């Protein structure tokens, strides 16, 4: 699988990320590091603790990572979640968790497939 096919499979925007990072090697370098980013786990922990400030901070960080890597399918629900947490609407923010989790898992799965094919 090429990096472009990887982006298509996970609902990302390859043209956006390549215009931002300029080189496929940089896109690949940062994309394969995405699973190590702690933001998603911090987000879940914040929601489980009913801590809107922690949830907001984690969602905001995850949103930024998704935007930088043009992970559009994950960015959109994380963005909605972030905005709800920003105004301390915990229940609305939390309501996006299933969609965020599903899209997050898809991204991890596709990145895993991409990495396995590169080895």
N, C-alpha and C. Protein backbone atom coordinates (compact mmCIF):
# COMPACT_ATOMS: atom_id res chain seq x y z
N UNK A 1 0.86 -1.17 0.00
CA UNK A 1 0.00 0.00 0.00
C UNK A 1 0.91 1.24 0.00
N UNK A 2 0.56 2.19 -0.83
CA UNK A 2 1.29 3.45 -0.85
C UNK A 2 0.75 4.35 0.26
N UNK A 3 1.47 5.41 0.56
CA UNK A 3 1.00 6.35 1.58
C UNK A 3 -0.30 7.01 1.12
N UNK A 4 -0.42 7.24 -0.17
CA UNK A 4 -1.66 7.83 -0.70
C UNK A 4 -2.82 6.86 -0.54
N UNK A 5 -2.62 5.59 -0.81
CA UNK A 5 -3.67 4.58 -0.61
C UNK A 5 -4.04 4.47 0.87
N UNK A 6 -3.03 4.59 1.71
CA UNK A 6 -3.25 4.57 3.15
C UNK A 6 -4.21 5.70 3.55
N UNK A 7 -3.96 6.88 3.03
CA UNK A 7 -4.81 8.03 3.33
C UNK A 7 -6.23 7.82 2.82
N UNK A 8 -6.35 7.27 1.62
CA UNK A 8 -7.69 7.01 1.07
C UNK A 8 -8.44 6.02 1.95
N UNK A 9 -7.76 4.99 2.40
CA UNK A 9 -8.40 3.93 3.18
C UNK A 9 -8.86 4.41 4.56
N UNK A 10 -8.14 5.37 5.14
CA UNK A 10 -8.51 5.83 6.48
C UNK A 10 -9.29 7.14 6.48
N UNK A 11 -9.69 7.60 5.30
CA UNK A 11 -10.51 8.81 5.23
C UNK A 11 -9.72 10.08 5.44
N UNK A 12 -8.44 10.05 5.11
CA UNK A 12 -7.59 11.22 5.23
C UNK A 12 -7.56 12.02 3.94
N UNK A 13 -6.89 13.14 3.96
CA UNK A 13 -6.78 13.99 2.78
C UNK A 13 -5.30 14.07 2.40
N UNK A 14 -4.90 13.20 1.50
CA UNK A 14 -3.50 13.12 1.10
C UNK A 14 -3.02 14.44 0.48
N UNK A 15 -3.82 15.04 -0.37
CA UNK A 15 -3.39 16.29 -1.02
C UNK A 15 -3.12 17.38 0.00
N UNK A 16 -3.95 17.43 1.04
CA UNK A 16 -3.77 18.44 2.10
C UNK A 16 -2.46 18.19 2.85
N UNK A 17 -2.22 16.96 3.25
CA UNK A 17 -1.02 16.68 4.04
C UNK A 17 0.25 16.87 3.21
N UNK A 18 0.22 16.50 1.94
CA UNK A 18 1.42 16.65 1.12
C UNK A 18 1.68 18.13 0.83
N UNK A 19 0.62 18.92 0.74
CA UNK A 19 0.84 20.37 0.53
C UNK A 19 1.41 21.01 1.79
N UNK A 20 1.12 20.43 2.95
CA UNK A 20 1.62 20.96 4.21
C UNK A 20 3.06 20.49 4.48
N UNK A 21 3.31 19.20 4.32
CA UNK A 21 4.62 18.64 4.68
C UNK A 21 5.59 18.53 3.51
N UNK A 22 5.08 18.62 2.30
CA UNK A 22 5.86 18.70 1.07
C UNK A 22 6.51 17.40 0.59
N UNK A 23 6.83 16.48 1.48
CA UNK A 23 7.53 15.26 1.07
C UNK A 23 6.82 14.04 1.65
N UNK A 24 6.69 13.00 0.82
CA UNK A 24 6.08 11.76 1.30
C UNK A 24 6.85 11.17 2.46
N UNK A 25 8.16 11.33 2.45
CA UNK A 25 8.96 10.76 3.55
C UNK A 25 8.59 11.41 4.88
N UNK A 26 8.29 12.71 4.87
CA UNK A 26 7.88 13.39 6.10
C UNK A 26 6.48 12.96 6.51
N UNK A 27 5.59 12.82 5.55
CA UNK A 27 4.23 12.36 5.85
C UNK A 27 4.32 10.99 6.52
N UNK A 28 5.07 10.10 5.91
CA UNK A 28 5.22 8.75 6.46
C UNK A 28 5.85 8.79 7.85
N UNK A 29 6.89 9.59 8.01
CA UNK A 29 7.59 9.69 9.29
C UNK A 29 6.64 10.07 10.42
N UNK A 30 5.81 11.08 10.19
CA UNK A 30 4.91 11.55 11.24
C UNK A 30 3.68 10.66 11.38
N UNK A 31 3.20 10.11 10.28
CA UNK A 31 2.03 9.25 10.35
C UNK A 31 2.30 7.99 11.17
N UNK A 32 3.44 7.39 10.98
CA UNK A 32 3.73 6.15 11.72
C UNK A 32 3.97 6.42 13.21
N UNK A 33 4.19 7.66 13.58
CA UNK A 33 4.32 8.03 15.00
C UNK A 33 2.97 8.31 15.65
N UNK A 34 1.93 8.46 14.84
CA UNK A 34 0.61 8.80 15.36
C UNK A 34 0.13 7.83 16.45
N UNK A 35 0.29 6.52 16.29
CA UNK A 35 -0.19 5.62 17.35
C UNK A 35 0.47 5.84 18.72
N UNK A 36 1.63 6.47 18.74
CA UNK A 36 2.32 6.73 20.01
C UNK A 36 1.84 8.00 20.70
N UNK A 37 1.04 8.81 20.01
CA UNK A 37 0.54 10.05 20.60
C UNK A 37 -0.42 9.71 21.75
N UNK A 38 -0.22 10.29 22.94
CA UNK A 38 -1.04 9.93 24.10
C UNK A 38 -2.40 10.65 24.17
N UNK A 39 -2.69 11.53 23.25
CA UNK A 39 -3.89 12.37 23.35
C UNK A 39 -5.19 11.60 23.46
N UNK A 40 -5.35 10.56 22.65
CA UNK A 40 -6.60 9.80 22.69
C UNK A 40 -6.80 9.16 24.07
N UNK A 41 -5.76 8.53 24.60
CA UNK A 41 -5.87 7.90 25.91
C UNK A 41 -6.15 8.93 27.00
N UNK A 42 -5.54 10.10 26.90
CA UNK A 42 -5.81 11.18 27.85
C UNK A 42 -7.25 11.66 27.74
N UNK A 43 -7.75 11.71 26.51
CA UNK A 43 -9.13 12.10 26.28
C UNK A 43 -10.09 11.12 26.97
N UNK A 44 -9.88 9.86 26.77
CA UNK A 44 -10.73 8.84 27.38
C UNK A 44 -10.66 8.93 28.91
N UNK A 45 -9.45 9.11 29.42
CA UNK A 45 -9.28 9.23 30.87
C UNK A 45 -10.02 10.45 31.41
N UNK A 46 -9.96 11.57 30.69
CA UNK A 46 -10.66 12.78 31.10
C UNK A 46 -12.17 12.58 31.11
N UNK A 47 -12.67 11.89 30.11
CA UNK A 47 -14.11 11.62 30.05
C UNK A 47 -14.51 10.67 31.17
N UNK A 48 -13.74 9.62 31.38
CA UNK A 48 -14.06 8.67 32.46
C UNK A 48 -14.05 9.35 33.83
N UNK A 49 -13.17 10.34 34.00
CA UNK A 49 -13.09 11.06 35.27
C UNK A 49 -14.10 12.22 35.35
N UNK A 50 -14.87 12.41 34.30
CA UNK A 50 -15.81 13.53 34.18
C UNK A 50 -15.07 14.84 34.46
N UNK A 51 -13.93 14.99 33.82
CA UNK A 51 -13.06 16.16 33.97
C UNK A 51 -13.04 16.90 32.63
N UNK A 52 -13.89 17.90 32.51
CA UNK A 52 -14.04 18.60 31.24
C UNK A 52 -12.77 19.32 30.82
N UNK A 53 -11.99 19.82 31.77
CA UNK A 53 -10.76 20.53 31.42
C UNK A 53 -9.73 19.57 30.82
N UNK A 54 -9.55 18.41 31.42
CA UNK A 54 -8.63 17.41 30.88
C UNK A 54 -9.14 16.90 29.53
N UNK A 55 -10.42 16.64 29.45
CA UNK A 55 -11.00 16.16 28.19
C UNK A 55 -10.82 17.20 27.09
N UNK A 56 -11.05 18.47 27.41
CA UNK A 56 -10.86 19.53 26.42
C UNK A 56 -9.42 19.60 25.96
N UNK A 57 -8.49 19.60 26.90
CA UNK A 57 -7.07 19.71 26.55
C UNK A 57 -6.65 18.55 25.64
N UNK A 58 -7.06 17.34 25.99
CA UNK A 58 -6.70 16.17 25.19
C UNK A 58 -7.37 16.21 23.81
N UNK A 59 -8.65 16.57 23.77
CA UNK A 59 -9.37 16.65 22.50
C UNK A 59 -8.73 17.72 21.61
N UNK A 60 -8.38 18.84 22.20
CA UNK A 60 -7.76 19.93 21.44
C UNK A 60 -6.42 19.50 20.86
N UNK A 61 -5.63 18.79 21.64
CA UNK A 61 -4.34 18.30 21.16
C UNK A 61 -4.53 17.29 20.05
N UNK A 62 -5.45 16.35 20.24
CA UNK A 62 -5.73 15.34 19.22
C UNK A 62 -6.23 16.00 17.94
N UNK A 63 -7.07 17.02 18.09
CA UNK A 63 -7.58 17.76 16.93
C UNK A 63 -6.42 18.37 16.14
N UNK A 64 -5.47 18.96 16.84
CA UNK A 64 -4.32 19.57 16.17
C UNK A 64 -3.48 18.55 15.43
N UNK A 65 -3.25 17.41 16.05
CA UNK A 65 -2.48 16.34 15.39
C UNK A 65 -3.21 15.88 14.14
N UNK A 66 -4.53 15.67 14.27
CA UNK A 66 -5.33 15.24 13.12
C UNK A 66 -5.32 16.27 12.00
N UNK A 67 -5.38 17.52 12.37
CA UNK A 67 -5.36 18.58 11.36
C UNK A 67 -4.01 18.62 10.65
N UNK A 68 -2.93 18.54 11.41
CA UNK A 68 -1.60 18.57 10.81
C UNK A 68 -1.35 17.39 9.88
N UNK A 69 -1.90 16.22 10.24
CA UNK A 69 -1.71 15.03 9.42
C UNK A 69 -2.84 14.83 8.41
N UNK A 70 -3.79 15.76 8.37
CA UNK A 70 -4.92 15.71 7.44
C UNK A 70 -5.71 14.41 7.58
N UNK A 71 -5.95 14.01 8.83
CA UNK A 71 -6.76 12.83 9.12
C UNK A 71 -8.21 13.29 9.22
N UNK A 72 -8.78 13.64 8.09
CA UNK A 72 -10.08 14.32 8.03
C UNK A 72 -11.20 13.53 8.69
N UNK A 73 -11.24 12.24 8.50
CA UNK A 73 -12.31 11.43 9.07
C UNK A 73 -12.32 11.45 10.59
N UNK A 74 -11.16 11.55 11.19
CA UNK A 74 -11.04 11.64 12.64
C UNK A 74 -11.12 13.08 13.11
N UNK A 75 -10.58 13.99 12.33
CA UNK A 75 -10.57 15.41 12.70
C UNK A 75 -11.98 15.94 12.95
N UNK A 76 -12.92 15.61 12.07
CA UNK A 76 -14.24 16.22 12.15
C UNK A 76 -14.96 15.94 13.47
N UNK A 77 -15.08 14.68 13.91
CA UNK A 77 -15.76 14.48 15.20
C UNK A 77 -14.94 14.99 16.39
N UNK A 78 -13.61 14.94 16.29
CA UNK A 78 -12.78 15.47 17.38
C UNK A 78 -12.95 16.98 17.46
N UNK A 79 -13.08 17.64 16.33
CA UNK A 79 -13.30 19.08 16.32
C UNK A 79 -14.63 19.43 17.00
N UNK A 80 -15.68 18.70 16.68
CA UNK A 80 -16.99 18.94 17.31
C UNK A 80 -16.89 18.70 18.82
N UNK A 81 -16.22 17.64 19.20
CA UNK A 81 -16.03 17.32 20.62
C UNK A 81 -15.27 18.43 21.32
N UNK A 82 -14.21 18.90 20.70
CA UNK A 82 -13.40 19.97 21.28
C UNK A 82 -14.23 21.22 21.54
N UNK A 83 -15.03 21.58 20.57
CA UNK A 83 -15.84 22.80 20.72
C UNK A 83 -16.88 22.65 21.83
N UNK A 84 -17.43 21.46 21.98
CA UNK A 84 -18.38 21.24 23.09
C UNK A 84 -17.66 21.35 24.43
N UNK A 85 -16.50 20.72 24.54
CA UNK A 85 -15.74 20.79 25.79
C UNK A 85 -15.26 22.22 26.07
N UNK A 86 -14.97 22.97 25.02
CA UNK A 86 -14.51 24.35 25.19
C UNK A 86 -15.53 25.19 25.96
N UNK A 87 -16.81 24.95 25.68
CA UNK A 87 -17.86 25.69 26.39
C UNK A 87 -18.38 24.91 27.60
N UNK A 88 -17.61 23.90 27.98
CA UNK A 88 -17.89 23.06 29.15
C UNK A 88 -19.23 22.33 29.07
N UNK A 89 -19.60 21.96 27.84
CA UNK A 89 -20.78 21.12 27.62
C UNK A 89 -20.29 19.67 27.58
N UNK A 90 -20.10 19.12 28.77
CA UNK A 90 -19.50 17.80 28.91
C UNK A 90 -20.31 16.72 28.19
N UNK A 91 -21.63 16.73 28.37
CA UNK A 91 -22.46 15.67 27.79
C UNK A 91 -22.43 15.66 26.27
N UNK A 92 -22.45 16.83 25.67
CA UNK A 92 -22.37 16.90 24.21
C UNK A 92 -20.99 16.43 23.75
N UNK A 93 -19.94 16.89 24.42
CA UNK A 93 -18.59 16.45 24.06
C UNK A 93 -18.45 14.95 24.17
N UNK A 94 -18.94 14.41 25.27
CA UNK A 94 -18.86 12.97 25.49
C UNK A 94 -19.65 12.20 24.43
N UNK A 95 -20.71 12.79 23.91
CA UNK A 95 -21.55 12.10 22.92
C UNK A 95 -20.80 11.76 21.63
N UNK A 96 -19.69 12.41 21.38
CA UNK A 96 -18.89 12.15 20.19
C UNK A 96 -17.88 11.01 20.39
N UNK A 97 -17.76 10.50 21.62
CA UNK A 97 -16.71 9.53 21.91
C UNK A 97 -16.81 8.27 21.06
N UNK A 98 -17.99 7.72 20.84
CA UNK A 98 -18.09 6.50 20.04
C UNK A 98 -17.60 6.73 18.61
N UNK A 99 -17.99 7.85 18.01
CA UNK A 99 -17.54 8.16 16.65
C UNK A 99 -16.04 8.40 16.60
N UNK A 100 -15.53 9.14 17.58
CA UNK A 100 -14.09 9.39 17.65
C UNK A 100 -13.34 8.07 17.80
N UNK A 101 -13.81 7.21 18.69
CA UNK A 101 -13.15 5.94 18.93
C UNK A 101 -13.15 5.07 17.68
N UNK A 102 -14.28 5.00 17.01
CA UNK A 102 -14.37 4.20 15.78
C UNK A 102 -13.39 4.71 14.72
N UNK A 103 -13.37 6.02 14.51
CA UNK A 103 -12.47 6.59 13.50
C UNK A 103 -11.01 6.46 13.93
N UNK A 104 -10.75 6.63 15.22
CA UNK A 104 -9.40 6.48 15.74
C UNK A 104 -8.90 5.05 15.50
N UNK A 105 -9.74 4.08 15.80
CA UNK A 105 -9.35 2.68 15.60
C UNK A 105 -9.12 2.35 14.13
N UNK A 106 -9.91 2.94 13.25
CA UNK A 106 -9.70 2.76 11.81
C UNK A 106 -8.34 3.31 11.41
N UNK A 107 -8.02 4.50 11.88
CA UNK A 107 -6.72 5.10 11.56
C UNK A 107 -5.59 4.20 12.06
N UNK A 108 -5.68 3.73 13.30
CA UNK A 108 -4.64 2.86 13.84
C UNK A 108 -4.50 1.58 13.03
N UNK A 109 -5.63 1.00 12.66
CA UNK A 109 -5.62 -0.24 11.89
C UNK A 109 -4.93 -0.04 10.53
N UNK A 110 -5.29 1.02 9.85
CA UNK A 110 -4.72 1.28 8.51
C UNK A 110 -3.22 1.60 8.64
N UNK A 111 -2.85 2.38 9.63
CA UNK A 111 -1.43 2.66 9.83
C UNK A 111 -0.69 1.36 10.11
N UNK A 112 -1.28 0.49 10.92
CA UNK A 112 -0.66 -0.81 11.20
C UNK A 112 -0.46 -1.63 9.94
N UNK A 113 -1.46 -1.64 9.06
CA UNK A 113 -1.34 -2.35 7.79
C UNK A 113 -0.24 -1.74 6.93
N UNK A 114 -0.21 -0.42 6.90
CA UNK A 114 0.81 0.28 6.11
C UNK A 114 2.21 -0.08 6.60
N UNK A 115 2.41 -0.01 7.90
CA UNK A 115 3.72 -0.32 8.50
C UNK A 115 4.11 -1.77 8.22
N UNK A 116 3.16 -2.69 8.38
CA UNK A 116 3.45 -4.11 8.15
C UNK A 116 3.87 -4.36 6.70
N UNK A 117 3.25 -3.67 5.77
CA UNK A 117 3.61 -3.84 4.35
C UNK A 117 4.97 -3.24 4.01
N UNK A 118 5.40 -2.28 4.81
CA UNK A 118 6.70 -1.63 4.55
C UNK A 118 7.86 -2.48 5.04
N UNK A 119 7.58 -3.40 5.96
CA UNK A 119 8.65 -4.21 6.57
C UNK A 119 9.07 -5.35 5.67
